[in-house]
N, C-alpha and C. Protein backbone atom coordinates (compact mmCIF):
# COMPACT_ATOMS: atom_id res chain seq x y z
N MET A 1 21.78 -11.42 -17.90
CA MET A 1 22.45 -10.44 -17.31
C MET A 1 22.29 -9.61 -16.23
N ALA A 2 23.02 -9.42 -15.29
CA ALA A 2 23.07 -8.68 -14.30
C ALA A 2 23.63 -7.36 -13.98
N PHE A 3 23.00 -6.22 -13.63
CA PHE A 3 23.90 -5.27 -13.60
C PHE A 3 23.13 -4.45 -12.14
N SER A 4 24.28 -3.33 -12.00
CA SER A 4 24.14 -2.63 -10.63
C SER A 4 23.14 -1.82 -10.63
N ILE A 5 22.64 -0.82 -9.31
CA ILE A 5 21.57 -0.38 -9.32
C ILE A 5 21.87 1.29 -10.12
N GLY A 6 23.26 1.46 -10.24
CA GLY A 6 23.49 2.72 -10.96
C GLY A 6 22.70 2.63 -12.31
N GLU A 7 23.52 1.62 -12.84
CA GLU A 7 23.60 0.74 -14.36
C GLU A 7 21.75 0.89 -14.56
N LEU A 8 21.09 0.36 -13.49
CA LEU A 8 19.35 0.19 -13.50
C LEU A 8 18.88 1.40 -13.40
N ALA A 9 19.38 2.68 -13.05
CA ALA A 9 18.92 3.96 -12.82
C ALA A 9 19.06 4.60 -14.08
N ARG A 10 20.42 4.28 -14.80
CA ARG A 10 20.40 4.90 -15.81
C ARG A 10 19.44 4.27 -17.23
N ARG A 11 19.52 2.94 -17.12
CA ARG A 11 18.31 2.55 -18.17
C ARG A 11 17.33 2.68 -17.91
N ALA A 12 16.48 2.67 -16.91
CA ALA A 12 15.35 3.16 -16.53
C ALA A 12 14.82 4.88 -16.53
N ASP A 13 16.07 5.47 -16.32
CA ASP A 13 15.66 7.07 -16.50
C ASP A 13 15.20 7.41 -15.27
N VAL A 14 15.72 6.95 -13.95
CA VAL A 14 15.33 7.18 -12.80
C VAL A 14 16.56 7.62 -11.60
N LYS A 15 16.64 8.04 -10.63
CA LYS A 15 17.71 8.23 -9.78
C LYS A 15 17.69 7.03 -8.76
N VAL A 16 18.79 6.73 -8.37
CA VAL A 16 19.39 5.66 -7.54
C VAL A 16 18.48 5.77 -6.41
N PRO A 17 18.24 7.00 -5.68
CA PRO A 17 17.19 7.15 -4.32
C PRO A 17 15.83 6.66 -4.83
N THR A 18 15.19 6.91 -5.75
CA THR A 18 14.10 6.58 -6.45
C THR A 18 13.61 5.13 -6.45
N ILE A 19 14.93 4.27 -6.82
CA ILE A 19 14.92 2.86 -6.75
C ILE A 19 14.77 2.66 -5.03
N ARG A 20 15.64 2.74 -4.70
CA ARG A 20 15.56 2.48 -3.00
C ARG A 20 14.57 2.62 -2.50
N TYR A 21 13.58 3.76 -2.81
CA TYR A 21 12.52 3.90 -2.16
C TYR A 21 11.35 3.05 -2.95
N TYR A 22 11.61 2.87 -4.09
CA TYR A 22 10.32 1.91 -4.49
C TYR A 22 10.69 0.72 -3.86
N GLU A 23 11.80 0.29 -3.66
CA GLU A 23 12.23 -0.96 -2.82
C GLU A 23 11.36 -0.95 -1.70
N GLN A 24 11.52 0.17 -0.89
CA GLN A 24 11.15 0.42 0.80
C GLN A 24 9.60 0.17 0.67
N ILE A 25 8.90 0.90 0.07
CA ILE A 25 7.86 0.89 0.03
C ILE A 25 6.85 -0.58 -1.08
N GLY A 26 7.51 -1.48 -1.33
CA GLY A 26 7.54 -2.47 -2.27
C GLY A 26 6.93 -2.59 -3.49
N LEU A 27 7.11 -1.52 -4.30
CA LEU A 27 7.00 -1.18 -5.49
C LEU A 27 7.72 -2.08 -6.48
N MET A 28 8.97 -2.34 -6.11
CA MET A 28 10.29 -2.91 -6.72
C MET A 28 10.09 -4.27 -5.80
N PRO A 29 10.35 -5.10 -6.32
CA PRO A 29 11.08 -6.37 -5.14
C PRO A 29 12.14 -6.23 -4.83
N GLU A 30 12.73 -7.01 -3.69
CA GLU A 30 13.66 -6.88 -3.06
C GLU A 30 15.01 -8.05 -4.72
N THR A 31 15.93 -7.48 -4.66
CA THR A 31 16.62 -8.19 -5.70
C THR A 31 17.64 -8.69 -4.80
N LEU A 32 18.28 -9.76 -5.86
CA LEU A 32 19.89 -10.47 -5.47
C LEU A 32 20.61 -9.43 -5.11
N ARG A 33 21.74 -9.96 -4.20
CA ARG A 33 22.62 -9.06 -4.00
C ARG A 33 24.17 -10.22 -3.98
N THR A 34 24.99 -9.61 -4.03
CA THR A 34 26.36 -10.16 -4.14
C THR A 34 26.67 -10.37 -2.96
N GLU A 35 27.77 -11.18 -2.83
CA GLU A 35 28.51 -11.63 -1.68
C GLU A 35 28.74 -10.05 -0.84
N GLY A 36 29.35 -8.99 -1.58
CA GLY A 36 29.72 -7.93 -1.25
C GLY A 36 28.16 -7.16 -1.06
N GLN A 37 26.98 -7.48 -1.07
CA GLN A 37 25.94 -6.88 -0.61
C GLN A 37 25.46 -5.83 -1.64
N GLN A 38 26.24 -6.02 -2.88
CA GLN A 38 25.37 -5.23 -4.16
C GLN A 38 24.32 -5.94 -4.63
N ARG A 39 23.55 -4.79 -4.87
CA ARG A 39 22.01 -5.24 -5.71
C ARG A 39 22.55 -5.45 -7.07
N ARG A 40 21.74 -6.53 -7.65
CA ARG A 40 21.98 -7.18 -8.74
C ARG A 40 20.67 -6.75 -9.39
N TYR A 41 20.58 -6.36 -10.59
CA TYR A 41 19.03 -6.29 -11.59
C TYR A 41 19.19 -6.88 -12.74
N GLY A 42 18.09 -7.35 -13.25
CA GLY A 42 17.78 -7.79 -14.47
C GLY A 42 17.31 -6.97 -15.51
N SER A 43 16.67 -7.49 -16.83
CA SER A 43 16.12 -6.42 -17.71
C SER A 43 14.60 -6.58 -17.07
N ALA A 44 14.04 -7.27 -16.51
CA ALA A 44 12.55 -7.09 -15.99
C ALA A 44 12.40 -6.16 -14.73
N ALA A 45 13.53 -5.47 -14.25
CA ALA A 45 13.57 -4.40 -13.39
C ALA A 45 13.56 -3.20 -14.01
N VAL A 46 14.46 -3.07 -15.04
CA VAL A 46 14.28 -1.92 -15.80
C VAL A 46 12.61 -1.81 -16.49
N ALA A 47 11.92 -2.96 -16.93
CA ALA A 47 10.79 -2.97 -17.24
C ALA A 47 9.75 -2.40 -16.44
N ARG A 48 9.86 -3.15 -15.28
CA ARG A 48 9.13 -2.93 -14.13
C ARG A 48 9.10 -1.10 -13.69
N LEU A 49 10.56 -0.53 -13.75
CA LEU A 49 10.63 0.71 -13.36
C LEU A 49 9.96 1.88 -14.37
N ALA A 50 10.20 1.07 -15.62
CA ALA A 50 9.64 1.95 -16.88
C ALA A 50 8.12 2.10 -16.78
N PHE A 51 7.48 0.87 -16.01
CA PHE A 51 6.27 1.23 -16.03
C PHE A 51 5.58 1.92 -14.77
N ILE A 52 6.42 1.82 -13.47
CA ILE A 52 6.12 3.33 -12.72
C ILE A 52 6.29 4.43 -13.26
N ARG A 53 7.35 4.60 -13.70
CA ARG A 53 7.72 5.84 -13.96
C ARG A 53 6.68 6.54 -14.75
N HIS A 54 6.32 5.79 -15.73
CA HIS A 54 5.10 6.43 -16.92
C HIS A 54 3.83 6.44 -16.15
N ALA A 55 3.94 5.50 -15.07
CA ALA A 55 2.24 5.59 -14.49
C ALA A 55 2.61 7.05 -13.38
N ARG A 56 3.47 7.32 -12.76
CA ARG A 56 3.82 8.47 -12.21
C ARG A 56 3.45 9.48 -13.00
N GLU A 57 4.13 9.56 -14.16
CA GLU A 57 4.11 10.80 -15.14
C GLU A 57 2.62 11.17 -15.65
N LEU A 58 1.84 9.80 -15.56
CA LEU A 58 0.46 10.19 -15.90
C LEU A 58 -0.08 10.64 -14.47
N GLY A 59 0.72 10.65 -13.40
CA GLY A 59 -0.26 11.41 -12.09
C GLY A 59 -0.91 10.30 -11.58
N PHE A 60 -0.57 8.76 -11.23
CA PHE A 60 -1.45 8.07 -10.73
C PHE A 60 -0.66 7.97 -9.23
N ASP A 61 -1.39 7.72 -8.15
CA ASP A 61 -0.85 7.96 -6.86
C ASP A 61 0.01 6.35 -6.86
N ILE A 62 0.54 6.32 -5.34
CA ILE A 62 1.40 5.01 -5.10
C ILE A 62 0.54 3.75 -4.97
N ASP A 63 -0.81 4.10 -4.74
CA ASP A 63 -1.63 2.86 -4.23
C ASP A 63 -2.01 2.42 -5.46
N ALA A 64 -2.28 3.32 -6.43
CA ALA A 64 -2.81 3.35 -7.36
C ALA A 64 -1.51 2.27 -8.81
N ILE A 65 -0.54 2.89 -8.61
CA ILE A 65 0.42 2.12 -9.25
C ILE A 65 0.63 0.75 -8.24
N ARG A 66 0.52 0.57 -7.29
CA ARG A 66 0.80 -1.07 -6.54
C ARG A 66 -0.32 -2.11 -7.18
N THR A 67 -1.65 -1.15 -7.41
CA THR A 67 -2.69 -2.16 -7.55
C THR A 67 -2.28 -2.46 -9.19
N LEU A 68 -1.93 -1.47 -9.98
CA LEU A 68 -2.13 -1.89 -11.25
C LEU A 68 -0.62 -2.61 -11.55
N LEU A 69 0.44 -2.39 -10.64
CA LEU A 69 1.35 -3.45 -10.95
C LEU A 69 1.20 -4.90 -10.59
N SER A 70 0.12 -5.12 -9.27
CA SER A 70 -0.44 -6.51 -9.21
C SER A 70 -1.06 -7.17 -10.12
N LEU A 71 -1.78 -5.93 -10.79
CA LEU A 71 -3.09 -6.91 -12.09
C LEU A 71 -1.70 -6.99 -13.26
N GLN A 72 -0.45 -6.34 -13.35
CA GLN A 72 0.25 -6.50 -14.39
C GLN A 72 1.10 -7.86 -14.23
N ASP A 73 1.30 -8.06 -12.94
CA ASP A 73 1.82 -9.35 -12.25
C ASP A 73 0.94 -10.75 -12.65
N ASP A 74 -0.63 -10.72 -13.11
CA ASP A 74 -0.97 -11.80 -13.06
C ASP A 74 -2.11 -11.38 -14.37
N PRO A 75 -1.34 -11.45 -15.43
CA PRO A 75 -2.17 -10.94 -16.77
C PRO A 75 -3.31 -11.94 -17.07
N ASP A 76 -3.65 -12.78 -16.33
CA ASP A 76 -5.04 -13.62 -16.78
C ASP A 76 -6.25 -13.04 -16.15
N GLN A 77 -6.23 -12.29 -15.50
CA GLN A 77 -7.59 -11.68 -14.73
C GLN A 77 -7.94 -10.68 -15.51
N PRO A 78 -9.19 -10.12 -15.49
CA PRO A 78 -10.05 -9.31 -16.31
C PRO A 78 -9.71 -7.85 -15.62
N CYS A 79 -9.46 -7.01 -16.88
CA CYS A 79 -8.88 -5.42 -16.46
C CYS A 79 -10.05 -4.61 -16.01
N ALA A 80 -10.96 -4.98 -15.58
CA ALA A 80 -11.93 -3.98 -15.11
C ALA A 80 -11.30 -3.17 -14.00
N ARG A 81 -10.64 -3.87 -12.77
CA ARG A 81 -9.88 -2.76 -12.08
C ARG A 81 -8.90 -2.07 -12.39
N ALA A 82 -8.22 -2.34 -13.60
CA ALA A 82 -7.37 -1.22 -14.35
C ALA A 82 -8.09 -0.05 -14.73
N ASP A 83 -9.14 -0.42 -15.63
CA ASP A 83 -9.93 0.47 -16.27
C ASP A 83 -10.75 1.47 -15.53
N GLU A 84 -11.09 0.83 -13.83
CA GLU A 84 -11.72 1.67 -12.90
C GLU A 84 -10.32 2.71 -12.47
N ILE A 85 -9.34 2.33 -12.29
CA ILE A 85 -8.32 2.93 -11.80
C ILE A 85 -8.00 4.25 -12.85
N ALA A 86 -7.83 3.73 -13.66
CA ALA A 86 -7.58 4.77 -14.99
C ALA A 86 -8.90 5.70 -15.19
N THR A 87 -10.13 5.37 -15.16
CA THR A 87 -11.29 6.46 -15.21
C THR A 87 -11.07 7.19 -14.05
N ILE A 88 -10.87 6.75 -13.02
CA ILE A 88 -10.67 7.65 -11.50
C ILE A 88 -9.48 8.92 -12.02
N ARG A 89 -8.45 8.40 -12.38
CA ARG A 89 -7.39 9.30 -12.98
C ARG A 89 -8.08 10.32 -13.98
N LEU A 90 -8.56 10.00 -15.02
CA LEU A 90 -8.89 10.77 -15.95
C LEU A 90 -10.12 11.64 -15.42
N ALA A 91 -11.08 11.40 -14.42
CA ALA A 91 -11.89 12.39 -13.87
C ALA A 91 -11.02 13.46 -12.97
N GLU A 92 -9.97 12.78 -12.40
CA GLU A 92 -9.13 14.14 -11.50
C GLU A 92 -8.42 14.81 -12.52
N VAL A 93 -7.95 14.53 -13.58
CA VAL A 93 -7.52 15.50 -14.37
C VAL A 93 -8.55 16.43 -14.94
N ASP A 94 -9.77 15.85 -15.07
CA ASP A 94 -10.75 16.56 -15.98
C ASP A 94 -11.09 17.62 -15.34
N ARG A 95 -11.29 17.23 -13.70
CA ARG A 95 -11.76 18.29 -12.37
C ARG A 95 -10.48 19.53 -12.66
N ARG A 96 -9.38 18.84 -12.56
CA ARG A 96 -8.30 19.69 -13.11
C ARG A 96 -8.21 21.04 -14.12
N ILE A 97 -8.82 20.40 -15.06
CA ILE A 97 -8.72 21.16 -16.52
C ILE A 97 -9.65 22.34 -16.08
N ALA A 98 -10.92 21.25 -15.58
CA ALA A 98 -11.78 22.42 -15.33
C ALA A 98 -11.62 24.05 -14.62
N GLY A 99 -11.34 23.33 -13.40
CA GLY A 99 -10.57 24.31 -12.57
C GLY A 99 -9.36 25.49 -13.14
N LEU A 100 -8.65 24.80 -13.87
CA LEU A 100 -7.36 25.76 -14.65
C LEU A 100 -8.10 26.75 -15.61
N GLN A 101 -9.12 25.96 -16.16
CA GLN A 101 -10.08 26.87 -17.43
C GLN A 101 -10.61 28.33 -16.54
N ALA A 102 -11.36 27.76 -15.53
CA ALA A 102 -11.82 29.01 -14.43
C ALA A 102 -10.83 29.96 -14.11
N LEU A 103 -9.68 29.26 -13.66
CA LEU A 103 -8.54 30.21 -13.54
C LEU A 103 -8.01 31.21 -14.33
N ARG A 104 -7.89 30.60 -15.84
CA ARG A 104 -7.43 31.19 -16.84
C ARG A 104 -8.37 32.45 -17.20
N LYS A 105 -9.88 31.81 -16.78
CA LYS A 105 -10.99 32.99 -17.48
C LYS A 105 -10.68 34.16 -16.65
N GLU A 106 -10.81 33.79 -15.13
CA GLU A 106 -10.18 34.98 -14.25
C GLU A 106 -9.25 35.82 -14.56
N LEU A 107 -8.08 34.98 -14.65
CA LEU A 107 -6.88 35.75 -14.90
C LEU A 107 -7.06 36.92 -16.35
N LYS A 108 -7.46 36.16 -17.24
CA LYS A 108 -7.84 36.89 -18.50
C LYS A 108 -8.87 37.95 -18.44
N LYS A 109 -9.66 38.04 -17.50
CA LYS A 109 -10.98 39.11 -17.59
C LYS A 109 -9.87 39.86 -16.36
N MET A 110 -8.80 39.73 -15.52
CA MET A 110 -8.40 40.39 -14.60
C MET A 110 -7.38 41.36 -15.40
N VAL A 111 -6.28 40.74 -16.52
CA VAL A 111 -5.65 41.39 -17.02
C VAL A 111 -6.46 42.27 -18.14
N ASP A 112 -7.35 41.66 -18.94
CA ASP A 112 -8.33 42.40 -19.89
C ASP A 112 -8.68 43.72 -19.50
N GLU A 113 -9.01 44.22 -18.16
CA GLU A 113 -9.90 44.88 -17.37
C GLU A 113 -8.69 46.07 -16.59
N CYS A 114 -7.63 46.00 -17.01
CA CYS A 114 -6.68 46.43 -16.16
C CYS A 114 -6.34 47.70 -17.39
N ALA A 115 -6.56 48.77 -16.68
CA ALA A 115 -6.54 50.03 -17.48
C ALA A 115 -5.11 50.59 -17.57
N GLN A 116 -4.09 49.94 -16.85
CA GLN A 116 -2.43 50.03 -17.13
C GLN A 116 -2.49 51.45 -16.76
N GLY A 117 -3.34 51.98 -15.57
CA GLY A 117 -2.77 53.26 -15.38
C GLY A 117 -2.07 53.21 -13.77
N ARG A 118 -2.75 53.86 -12.87
CA ARG A 118 -1.92 54.04 -11.44
C ARG A 118 -2.61 52.44 -10.62
N VAL A 119 -1.82 52.44 -9.82
CA VAL A 119 -1.87 51.22 -9.09
C VAL A 119 -3.23 51.43 -8.30
N CYS A 120 -3.87 52.28 -7.83
CA CYS A 120 -5.01 52.65 -6.82
C CYS A 120 -6.01 52.15 -7.97
N ASP A 121 -6.14 52.25 -9.17
CA ASP A 121 -7.19 51.96 -10.25
C ASP A 121 -6.68 50.58 -10.95
N CYS A 122 -5.88 49.80 -10.42
CA CYS A 122 -5.30 48.63 -10.78
C CYS A 122 -6.46 47.35 -10.76
N GLN A 123 -6.80 46.85 -11.63
CA GLN A 123 -7.91 45.58 -11.53
C GLN A 123 -7.08 44.54 -10.92
N VAL A 124 -5.83 44.41 -11.22
CA VAL A 124 -5.18 42.89 -10.76
C VAL A 124 -5.14 43.11 -9.48
N ILE A 125 -4.63 44.27 -8.97
CA ILE A 125 -4.34 44.26 -7.59
C ILE A 125 -5.85 44.53 -6.69
N GLU A 126 -6.77 45.11 -7.29
CA GLU A 126 -7.93 45.04 -6.92
C GLU A 126 -8.75 43.52 -6.60
N THR A 127 -8.56 42.75 -7.85
CA THR A 127 -8.98 41.72 -8.02
C THR A 127 -8.11 40.50 -6.87
N LEU A 128 -7.15 40.50 -6.74
CA LEU A 128 -5.99 40.03 -5.60
C LEU A 128 -6.72 40.18 -4.51
N ALA A 129 -6.91 41.59 -3.92
CA ALA A 129 -7.20 41.66 -3.07
C ALA A 129 -8.58 41.46 -2.71
N ASP A 130 -9.62 40.87 -3.58
CA ASP A 130 -10.88 40.49 -3.03
C ASP A 130 -10.74 39.37 -2.42
N ARG A 131 -11.02 39.46 -1.14
CA ARG A 131 -11.32 38.04 -0.13
C ARG A 131 -11.89 37.06 -0.56
N THR A 132 -13.26 37.46 -1.36
CA THR A 132 -14.30 36.56 -1.37
C THR A 132 -14.05 35.45 -2.46
N HIS A 133 -13.09 35.45 -2.95
CA HIS A 133 -12.78 34.69 -3.87
C HIS A 133 -11.98 33.39 -3.45
N SER A 134 -12.04 32.22 -3.57
CA SER A 134 -11.43 31.13 -3.39
C SER A 134 -11.08 30.33 -4.62
N HIS A 135 -10.32 29.50 -4.45
CA HIS A 135 -9.58 28.60 -5.82
C HIS A 135 -9.40 27.79 -5.51
N LYS A 136 -10.02 27.22 -4.41
CA LYS A 136 -9.28 25.75 -3.78
C LYS A 136 -9.52 24.80 -4.90
N SER A 137 -10.54 24.92 -5.74
CA SER A 137 -11.26 23.87 -6.79
C SER A 137 -9.97 23.45 -7.75
N TRP A 138 -8.70 24.24 -8.14
CA TRP A 138 -8.17 24.08 -9.20
C TRP A 138 -6.86 24.14 -8.43
N LYS A 139 -6.57 24.27 -7.33
CA LYS A 139 -4.91 23.83 -6.77
C LYS A 139 -4.41 22.80 -7.17
N GLU A 140 -3.25 22.49 -7.49
CA GLU A 140 -2.47 21.81 -7.47
C GLU A 140 -2.52 20.76 -6.86
N PRO A 141 -2.91 19.10 -6.48
CA PRO A 141 -2.49 18.74 -5.70
C PRO A 141 -0.84 18.50 -5.13
N ALA A 142 -0.92 18.35 -3.68
CA ALA A 142 0.55 18.15 -3.22
C ALA A 142 1.18 16.90 -3.74
N VAL A 143 2.36 17.01 -4.30
CA VAL A 143 2.88 15.87 -4.84
C VAL A 143 4.27 15.80 -4.17
N SER A 144 4.38 14.24 -3.60
CA SER A 144 5.88 13.96 -3.12
C SER A 144 7.13 13.84 -3.80
N SER A 145 8.07 14.69 -3.43
CA SER A 145 9.55 14.89 -4.08
C SER A 145 9.98 13.66 -4.55
N ARG A 146 9.58 12.65 -3.76
CA ARG A 146 10.09 11.21 -4.24
C ARG A 146 9.34 10.78 -5.77
N GLY A 147 10.12 9.84 -6.72
CA GLY A 147 9.74 9.21 -7.66
C GLY A 147 9.54 10.06 -9.07
């Protein structure tokens, strides 16, 4: 069964520009086209897009997804590389969680110490004005607006 890019987008729960982007960067293979140059897709494209979408939801970057897809395309090889990629991603998540926990601790302390009096005595304002603090370890990584 062949269907349009719009139908693929609906079935895979992604947007049409996302599908085109994934084709441009090689995550999705080129597909058959009709005489009128309309793309036509089958169920394998839905499964591949679902894989990519799930990997993106888990925070894997494009290069990791590309590698994971190539592993999926050759199922008889060992899964050590897939395990390595997932382990690296887990370590990234653990670092972010640790950073967010430190951030939460500081914010809670700031709120708990606030006397709720005048701004000149406000612990929230005082803490935010303290330029000796750096929170680069917990910053969210920049995420592409695509995908």
